C-alpha atoms as a PDB file:
ATOM      1  CA  MET A   1     -26.757 -38.259  32.767  1.00  0.00           C
ATOM      2  CA  LYS A   2     -23.037 -37.736  32.102  1.00  0.00           C
ATOM      3  CA  LYS A   3     -21.354 -34.709  33.610  1.00  0.00           C
ATOM      4  CA  ILE A   4     -19.483 -32.481  31.185  1.00  0.00           C
ATOM      5  CA  LEU A   5     -16.223 -31.340  32.699  1.00  0.00           C
ATOM      6  CA  ILE A   6     -14.639 -28.186  31.273  1.00  0.00           C
ATOM      7  CA  PRO A   7     -10.986 -27.650  32.184  1.00  0.00           C
ATOM      8  CA  ALA A   8     -10.273 -24.488  34.154  1.00  0.00           C
ATOM      9  CA  ALA A   9      -7.805 -23.350  31.470  1.00  0.00           C
ATOM     10  CA  ALA A  10     -10.549 -23.524  28.828  1.00  0.00           C
ATOM     11  CA  LEU A  11     -12.889 -21.488  31.010  1.00  0.00           C
ATOM     12  CA  MET A  12     -10.174 -18.862  31.502  1.00  0.00           C
ATOM     13  CA  LEU A  13      -9.571 -18.755  27.741  1.00  0.00           C
ATOM     14  CA  VAL A  14     -13.267 -18.220  27.051  1.00  0.00           C
ATOM     15  CA  ALA A  15     -13.484 -15.571  29.756  1.00  0.00           C
ATOM     16  CA  GLY A  16     -10.385 -13.820  28.430  1.00  0.00           C
ATOM     17  CA  GLY A  17     -11.762 -13.852  24.902  1.00  0.00           C
ATOM     18  CA  THR A  18     -15.054 -12.416  26.092  1.00  0.00           C
ATOM     19  CA  ALA A  19     -13.226  -9.660  27.947  1.00  0.00           C
ATOM     20  CA  LEU A  20     -11.174  -8.866  24.845  1.00  0.00           C
ATOM     21  CA  VAL A  21     -14.289  -8.609  22.692  1.00  0.00           C
ATOM     22  CA  ALA A  22     -15.891  -6.369  25.330  1.00  0.00           C
ATOM     23  CA  GLN A  23     -12.899  -4.025  25.125  1.00  0.00           C
ATOM     24  CA  MET A  24     -13.001  -3.715  21.337  1.00  0.00           C
ATOM     25  CA  PRO A  25     -14.306  -0.446  19.845  1.00  0.00           C
ATOM     26  CA  THR A  26     -17.975  -0.408  18.895  1.00  0.00           C
ATOM     27  CA  ALA A  27     -17.111   1.495  15.694  1.00  0.00           C
ATOM     28  CA  ALA A  28     -14.172   1.747  13.336  1.00  0.00           C
ATOM     29  CA  PRO A  29     -11.476   3.895  15.000  1.00  0.00           C
ATOM     30  CA  GLY A  30     -10.472   5.540  11.729  1.00  0.00           C
ATOM     31  CA  THR A  31     -12.361   8.657  10.673  1.00  0.00           C
ATOM     32  CA  LYS A  32     -12.727  10.663   7.472  1.00  0.00           C
ATOM     33  CA  ASP A  33     -12.144  13.831   9.499  1.00  0.00           C
ATOM     34  CA  ALA A  34      -8.870  15.246   8.140  1.00  0.00           C
ATOM     35  CA  ALA A  35      -8.572  17.375  11.283  1.00  0.00           C
ATOM     36  CA  LYS A  36      -7.572  14.162  13.092  1.00  0.00           C
ATOM     37  CA  VAL A  37      -4.357  13.960  11.065  1.00  0.00           C
ATOM     38  CA  THR A  38      -1.342  15.164  13.016  1.00  0.00           C
ATOM     39  CA  GLY A  39       2.062  16.143  11.707  1.00  0.00           C
ATOM     40  CA  GLY A  40       5.249  14.210  12.318  1.00  0.00           C
ATOM     41  CA  THR A  41       7.073  11.119  11.124  1.00  0.00           C
ATOM     42  CA  TYR A  42       5.237   7.940  10.185  1.00  0.00           C
ATOM     43  CA  LYS A  43       6.421   4.553   8.979  1.00  0.00           C
ATOM     44  CA  VAL A  44       4.691   2.455   6.361  1.00  0.00           C
ATOM     45  CA  ASP A  45       2.224  -0.077   7.755  1.00  0.00           C
ATOM     46  CA  GLY A  46       3.438  -2.924   5.568  1.00  0.00           C
ATOM     47  CA  GLY A  47       0.556  -5.207   6.442  1.00  0.00           C
ATOM     48  CA  HIS A  48      -1.995  -2.705   5.155  1.00  0.00           C
ATOM     49  CA  THR A  49      -0.191  -1.111   2.218  1.00  0.00           C
ATOM     50  CA  GLN A  50      -0.284  -2.492  -1.293  1.00  0.00           C
ATOM     51  CA  VAL A  51      -0.227  -1.552  -4.943  1.00  0.00           C
ATOM     52  CA  VAL A  52      -2.948  -2.966  -7.172  1.00  0.00           C
ATOM     53  CA  PHE A  53      -1.894  -2.954 -10.834  1.00  0.00           C
ATOM     54  CA  ALA A  54      -4.135  -3.616 -13.834  1.00  0.00           C
ATOM     55  CA  TRP A  55      -3.480  -4.231 -17.520  1.00  0.00           C
ATOM     56  CA  ASP A  56      -5.364  -5.036 -20.700  1.00  0.00           C
ATOM     57  CA  HIS A  57      -4.700  -8.549 -22.018  1.00  0.00           C
ATOM     58  CA  MET A  58      -5.097  -8.625 -25.815  1.00  0.00           C
ATOM     59  CA  GLY A  59      -8.318  -6.633 -25.630  1.00  0.00           C
ATOM     60  CA  PHE A  60     -10.119  -9.565 -24.032  1.00  0.00           C
ATOM     61  CA  THR A  61      -9.701  -8.981 -20.297  1.00  0.00           C
ATOM     62  CA  ASN A  62      -8.574  -6.419 -17.748  1.00  0.00           C
ATOM     63  CA  ASN A  63      -6.408  -8.354 -15.306  1.00  0.00           C
ATOM     64  CA  MET A  64      -4.971  -7.366 -11.939  1.00  0.00           C
ATOM     65  CA  GLY A  65      -2.213  -8.172  -9.484  1.00  0.00           C
ATOM     66  CA  THR A  66      -0.772  -6.803  -6.252  1.00  0.00           C
ATOM     67  CA  ILE A  67       2.515  -5.881  -4.628  1.00  0.00           C
ATOM     68  CA  ALA A  68       2.450  -5.828  -0.829  1.00  0.00           C
ATOM     69  CA  GLU A  69       4.483  -5.455   2.378  1.00  0.00           C
ATOM     70  CA  PRO A  70       6.636  -2.427   1.531  1.00  0.00           C
ATOM     71  CA  THR A  71       8.819  -0.391   3.873  1.00  0.00           C
ATOM     72  CA  GLY A  72       9.218   3.360   4.022  1.00  0.00           C
ATOM     73  CA  THR A  73       8.492   6.636   5.746  1.00  0.00           C
ATOM     74  CA  LEU A  74       6.124   9.577   5.542  1.00  0.00           C
ATOM     75  CA  THR A  75       6.837  13.026   6.953  1.00  0.00           C
ATOM     76  CA  LEU A  76       3.664  15.064   7.335  1.00  0.00           C
ATOM     77  CA  ASP A  77       3.905  18.826   7.761  1.00  0.00           C
ATOM     78  CA  LYS A  78       0.383  19.864   8.717  1.00  0.00           C
ATOM     79  CA  ALA A  79       1.225  23.575   8.793  1.00  0.00           C
ATOM     80  CA  ASN A  80       2.786  23.369   5.322  1.00  0.00           C
ATOM     81  CA  PRO A  81       1.494  20.265   3.463  1.00  0.00           C
ATOM     82  CA  ALA A  82       3.668  21.078   0.447  1.00  0.00           C
ATOM     83  CA  ALA A  83       6.730  20.300   2.595  1.00  0.00           C
ATOM     84  CA  SER A  84       5.540  16.749   3.304  1.00  0.00           C
ATOM     85  CA  LYS A  85       7.621  13.847   1.964  1.00  0.00           C
ATOM     86  CA  VAL A  86       7.155  10.142   1.340  1.00  0.00           C
ATOM     87  CA  SER A  87       9.553   7.348   0.440  1.00  0.00           C
ATOM     88  CA  VAL A  88       8.457   3.754  -0.139  1.00  0.00           C
ATOM     89  CA  GLU A  89      10.294   0.586  -1.199  1.00  0.00           C
ATOM     90  CA  PHE A  90       8.507  -2.532  -2.455  1.00  0.00           C
ATOM     91  CA  PRO A  91      10.095  -6.006  -2.696  1.00  0.00           C
ATOM     92  CA  VAL A  92       9.522  -7.213  -6.250  1.00  0.00           C
ATOM     93  CA  SER A  93       9.321 -10.807  -5.005  1.00  0.00           C
ATOM     94  CA  ASN A  94       5.989  -9.926  -3.372  1.00  0.00           C
ATOM     95  CA  ILE A  95       4.226  -9.474  -6.707  1.00  0.00           C
ATOM     96  CA  ARG A  96       1.212 -11.785  -6.992  1.00  0.00           C
ATOM     97  CA  THR A  97      -1.291 -12.186  -9.825  1.00  0.00           C
ATOM     98  CA  GLY A  98      -2.893 -15.425  -8.638  1.00  0.00           C
ATOM     99  CA  VAL A  99      -1.371 -17.227 -11.649  1.00  0.00           C
ATOM    100  CA  ALA A 100       1.803 -19.060 -10.618  1.00  0.00           C
ATOM    101  CA  LYS A 101       3.346 -19.275 -14.104  1.00  0.00           C
ATOM    102  CA  LEU A 102       2.759 -15.585 -14.726  1.00  0.00           C
ATOM    103  CA  ASP A 103       4.280 -14.705 -11.359  1.00  0.00           C
ATOM    104  CA  GLU A 104       7.362 -16.726 -12.314  1.00  0.00           C
ATOM    105  CA  HIS A 105       7.611 -14.978 -15.687  1.00  0.00           C
ATOM    106  CA  LEU A 106       7.309 -11.535 -14.088  1.00  0.00           C
ATOM    107  CA  MET A 107      10.419 -12.276 -12.021  1.00  0.00           C
ATOM    108  CA  LYS A 108      12.490 -12.925 -15.174  1.00  0.00           C
ATOM    109  CA  ALA A 109      14.416 -10.571 -17.472  1.00  0.00           C
ATOM    110  CA  ASP A 110      11.417  -9.964 -19.765  1.00  0.00           C
ATOM    111  CA  PHE A 111       9.853  -8.060 -16.919  1.00  0.00           C
ATOM    112  CA  PHE A 112      11.229  -7.176 -13.459  1.00  0.00           C
ATOM    113  CA  ASP A 113      14.460  -9.228 -13.557  1.00  0.00           C
ATOM    114  CA  ALA A 114      14.092  -9.616  -9.783  1.00  0.00           C
ATOM    115  CA  ALA A 115      17.464 -11.307  -9.268  1.00  0.00           C
ATOM    116  CA  LYS A 116      19.238  -8.121 -10.409  1.00  0.00           C
ATOM    117  CA  PHE A 117      16.649  -5.560  -9.323  1.00  0.00           C
ATOM    118  CA  PRO A 118      14.920  -6.862  -6.179  1.00  0.00           C
ATOM    119  CA  THR A 119      13.119  -3.645  -5.236  1.00  0.00           C
ATOM    120  CA  ALA A 120      10.951  -0.908  -6.722  1.00  0.00           C
ATOM    121  CA  THR A 121      10.976   2.516  -5.065  1.00  0.00           C
ATOM    122  CA  PHE A 122       9.065   5.783  -5.050  1.00  0.00           C
ATOM    123  CA  VAL A 123      10.594   8.937  -3.554  1.00  0.00           C
ATOM    124  CA  SER A 124       8.560  12.129  -3.611  1.00  0.00           C
ATOM    125  CA  THR A 125      10.021  15.365  -4.948  1.00  0.00           C
ATOM    126  CA  SER A 126       7.009  17.658  -4.493  1.00  0.00           C
ATOM    127  CA  VAL A 127       3.560  17.710  -2.918  1.00  0.00           C
ATOM    128  CA  LYS A 128       0.858  20.012  -4.308  1.00  0.00           C
ATOM    129  CA  PRO A 129      -2.280  20.164  -2.128  1.00  0.00           C
ATOM    130  CA  ASP A 130      -5.528  19.762  -4.065  1.00  0.00           C
ATOM    131  CA  GLY A 131      -8.580  20.809  -2.091  1.00  0.00           C
ATOM    132  CA  ALA A 132      -9.103  19.968   1.572  1.00  0.00           C
ATOM    133  CA  THR A 133      -8.080  16.296   1.441  1.00  0.00           C
ATOM    134  CA  GLY A 134      -6.240  15.691  -1.832  1.00  0.00           C
ATOM    135  CA  ALA A 135      -2.756  16.196  -3.231  1.00  0.00           C
ATOM    136  CA  ASP A 136      -0.733  15.672  -6.383  1.00  0.00           C
ATOM    137  CA  ILE A 137       2.422  13.883  -5.255  1.00  0.00           C
ATOM    138  CA  THR A 138       5.227  13.963  -7.813  1.00  0.00           C
ATOM    139  CA  GLY A 139       8.260  11.780  -7.336  1.00  0.00           C
ATOM    140  CA  ASN A 140      10.814   9.446  -8.847  1.00  0.00           C
ATOM    141  CA  LEU A 141       9.661   5.896  -9.503  1.00  0.00           C
ATOM    142  CA  THR A 142      12.475   3.395  -9.963  1.00  0.00           C
ATOM    143  CA  ILE A 143      11.774  -0.031 -11.460  1.00  0.00           C
ATOM    144  CA  LYS A 144      14.363  -2.375 -12.943  1.00  0.00           C
ATOM    145  CA  GLY A 145      17.061   0.250 -12.430  1.00  0.00           C
ATOM    146  CA  VAL A 146      15.191   2.865 -14.484  1.00  0.00           C
ATOM    147  CA  THR A 147      13.969   6.060 -12.812  1.00  0.00           C
ATOM    148  CA  LYS A 148      11.094   8.121 -14.215  1.00  0.00           C
ATOM    149  CA  PRO A 149       9.022  10.991 -12.802  1.00  0.00           C
ATOM    150  CA  VAL A 150       5.477  10.006 -11.832  1.00  0.00           C
ATOM    151  CA  THR A 151       2.619  12.019 -10.352  1.00  0.00           C
ATOM    152  CA  LEU A 152       0.189  10.333  -7.956  1.00  0.00           C
ATOM    153  CA  ASP A 153      -3.360  11.612  -7.532  1.00  0.00           C
ATOM    154  CA  ALA A 154      -3.664  11.082  -3.764  1.00  0.00           C
ATOM    155  CA  GLU A 155      -6.677  11.388  -1.477  1.00  0.00           C
ATOM    156  CA  PHE A 156      -6.893  11.187   2.307  1.00  0.00           C
ATOM    157  CA  TYR A 157      -8.806   8.065   3.441  1.00  0.00           C
ATOM    158  CA  GLY A 158      -8.839   8.011   7.241  1.00  0.00           C
ATOM    159  CA  ALA A 159      -7.024   8.757  10.495  1.00  0.00           C
ATOM    160  CA  GLY A 160      -7.208   7.875  14.167  1.00  0.00           C
ATOM    161  CA  VAL A 161      -5.634   5.812  16.933  1.00  0.00           C
ATOM    162  CA  GLN A 162      -5.160   2.117  16.202  1.00  0.00           C
ATOM    163  CA  PRO A 163      -6.708   0.358  19.246  1.00  0.00           C
ATOM    164  CA  MET A 164      -4.152  -2.456  19.442  1.00  0.00           C
ATOM    165  CA  SER A 165      -0.901  -0.547  18.900  1.00  0.00           C
ATOM    166  CA  LYS A 166      -2.284   2.631  20.565  1.00  0.00           C
ATOM    167  CA  LYS A 167      -0.516   4.612  17.843  1.00  0.00           C
ATOM    168  CA  GLU A 168      -1.889   7.173  15.424  1.00  0.00           C
ATOM    169  CA  ASN A 169      -2.568   5.805  11.946  1.00  0.00           C
ATOM    170  CA  VAL A 170      -3.339   7.587   8.703  1.00  0.00           C
ATOM    171  CA  GLY A 171      -4.290   6.195   5.303  1.00  0.00           C
ATOM    172  CA  PHE A 172      -4.424   7.400   1.716  1.00  0.00           C
ATOM    173  CA  ILE A 173      -5.450   6.109  -1.695  1.00  0.00           C
ATOM    174  CA  ALA A 174      -3.521   7.215  -4.779  1.00  0.00           C
ATOM    175  CA  THR A 175      -3.791   6.449  -8.487  1.00  0.00           C
ATOM    176  CA  THR A 176      -1.659   6.891 -11.574  1.00  0.00           C
ATOM    177  CA  THR A 177      -0.867   5.226 -14.900  1.00  0.00           C
ATOM    178  CA  ILE A 178       2.609   4.319 -16.128  1.00  0.00           C
ATOM    179  CA  LYS A 179       4.020   2.803 -19.316  1.00  0.00           C
ATOM    180  CA  ARG A 180       5.897  -0.400 -18.556  1.00  0.00           C
ATOM    181  CA  SER A 181       8.024  -0.098 -21.713  1.00  0.00           C
ATOM    182  CA  GLU A 182       9.637   3.003 -20.199  1.00  0.00           C
ATOM    183  CA  PHE A 183      11.003   0.780 -17.432  1.00  0.00           C
ATOM    184  CA  GLY A 184      12.504  -1.851 -19.736  1.00  0.00           C
ATOM    185  CA  MET A 185       9.475  -4.147 -19.656  1.00  0.00           C
ATOM    186  CA  GLY A 186       8.119  -3.885 -23.186  1.00  0.00           C
ATOM    187  CA  TYR A 187       7.565  -7.629 -23.617  1.00  0.00           C
ATOM    188  CA  ALA A 188       4.418  -8.399 -25.732  1.00  0.00           C
ATOM    189  CA  VAL A 189       3.497  -4.724 -26.295  1.00  0.00           C
ATOM    190  CA  PRO A 190       1.084  -3.853 -27.919  1.00  0.00           C
ATOM    191  CA  MET A 191      -0.821  -7.153 -27.675  1.00  0.00           C
ATOM    192  CA  VAL A 192      -0.654  -6.781 -23.922  1.00  0.00           C
ATOM    193  CA  SER A 193      -1.113  -3.155 -22.932  1.00  0.00           C
ATOM    194  CA  ASP A 194       1.836  -0.885 -22.336  1.00  0.00           C
ATOM    195  CA  ALA A 195      -0.258   1.236 -19.971  1.00  0.00           C
ATOM    196  CA  ILE A 196      -0.433  -0.099 -16.409  1.00  0.00           C
ATOM    197  CA  GLU A 197      -3.013   1.388 -14.049  1.00  0.00           C
ATOM    198  CA  LEU A 198      -1.839   1.670 -10.449  1.00  0.00           C
ATOM    199  CA  LYS A 199      -3.952   2.038  -7.321  1.00  0.00           C
ATOM    200  CA  ILE A 200      -1.948   2.500  -4.134  1.00  0.00           C
ATOM    201  CA  ILE A 201      -3.577   1.734  -0.783  1.00  0.00           C
ATOM    202  CA  ALA A 202      -1.186   3.318   1.717  1.00  0.00           C
ATOM    203  CA  GLY A 203      -1.267   3.005   5.500  1.00  0.00           C
ATOM    204  CA  PHE A 204       1.136   4.706   7.912  1.00  0.00           C
ATOM    205  CA  GLU A 205       1.791   4.479  11.654  1.00  0.00           C
ATOM    206  CA  LYS A 206       3.112   7.448  13.647  1.00  0.00           C
ATOM    207  CA  GLN A 207       6.512   7.071  15.308  1.00  0.00           C
END
């Protein structure tokens, strides 16, 4: 019978991996308990924040795409939620629909004109609490150099300490609908819908 020799380094790697798994939480660290949210300054968790956008294509299909990896800040005032503020900037080049030719077209002047306007931004101007865990967040949305007021219907999603960074995290989901023609992107309206539904999955890490 042949002996199977396992290098010491491989054994250490396996042992280390087992130890790491043993240290992992047995349940998700985020909780729906809004009492776990603390005030202060947070930065956008770019790896877990994205905008999902959807549009009607000629009445045949409802298609979707995403914009991811933004930067920005959130200031939470727990004692006075209405004083909270958020500012987020998305790189237009991160737009993805899963269709390469469409992604290329979206970067051109018919749509985002990314060479001239590489970012889209949202800066809040007011926060109106709605119930225990919701808020209407009104702010200025700037796309393609055009700024329009937009109100987000936001809802608290979860909060807690992220086990790897050891920092407090908080997440929200927000929705709204905008008209792309108002931002200089009226190409193919009305065959392709003017109305664009937005769903924002927003994660923040406390500083």
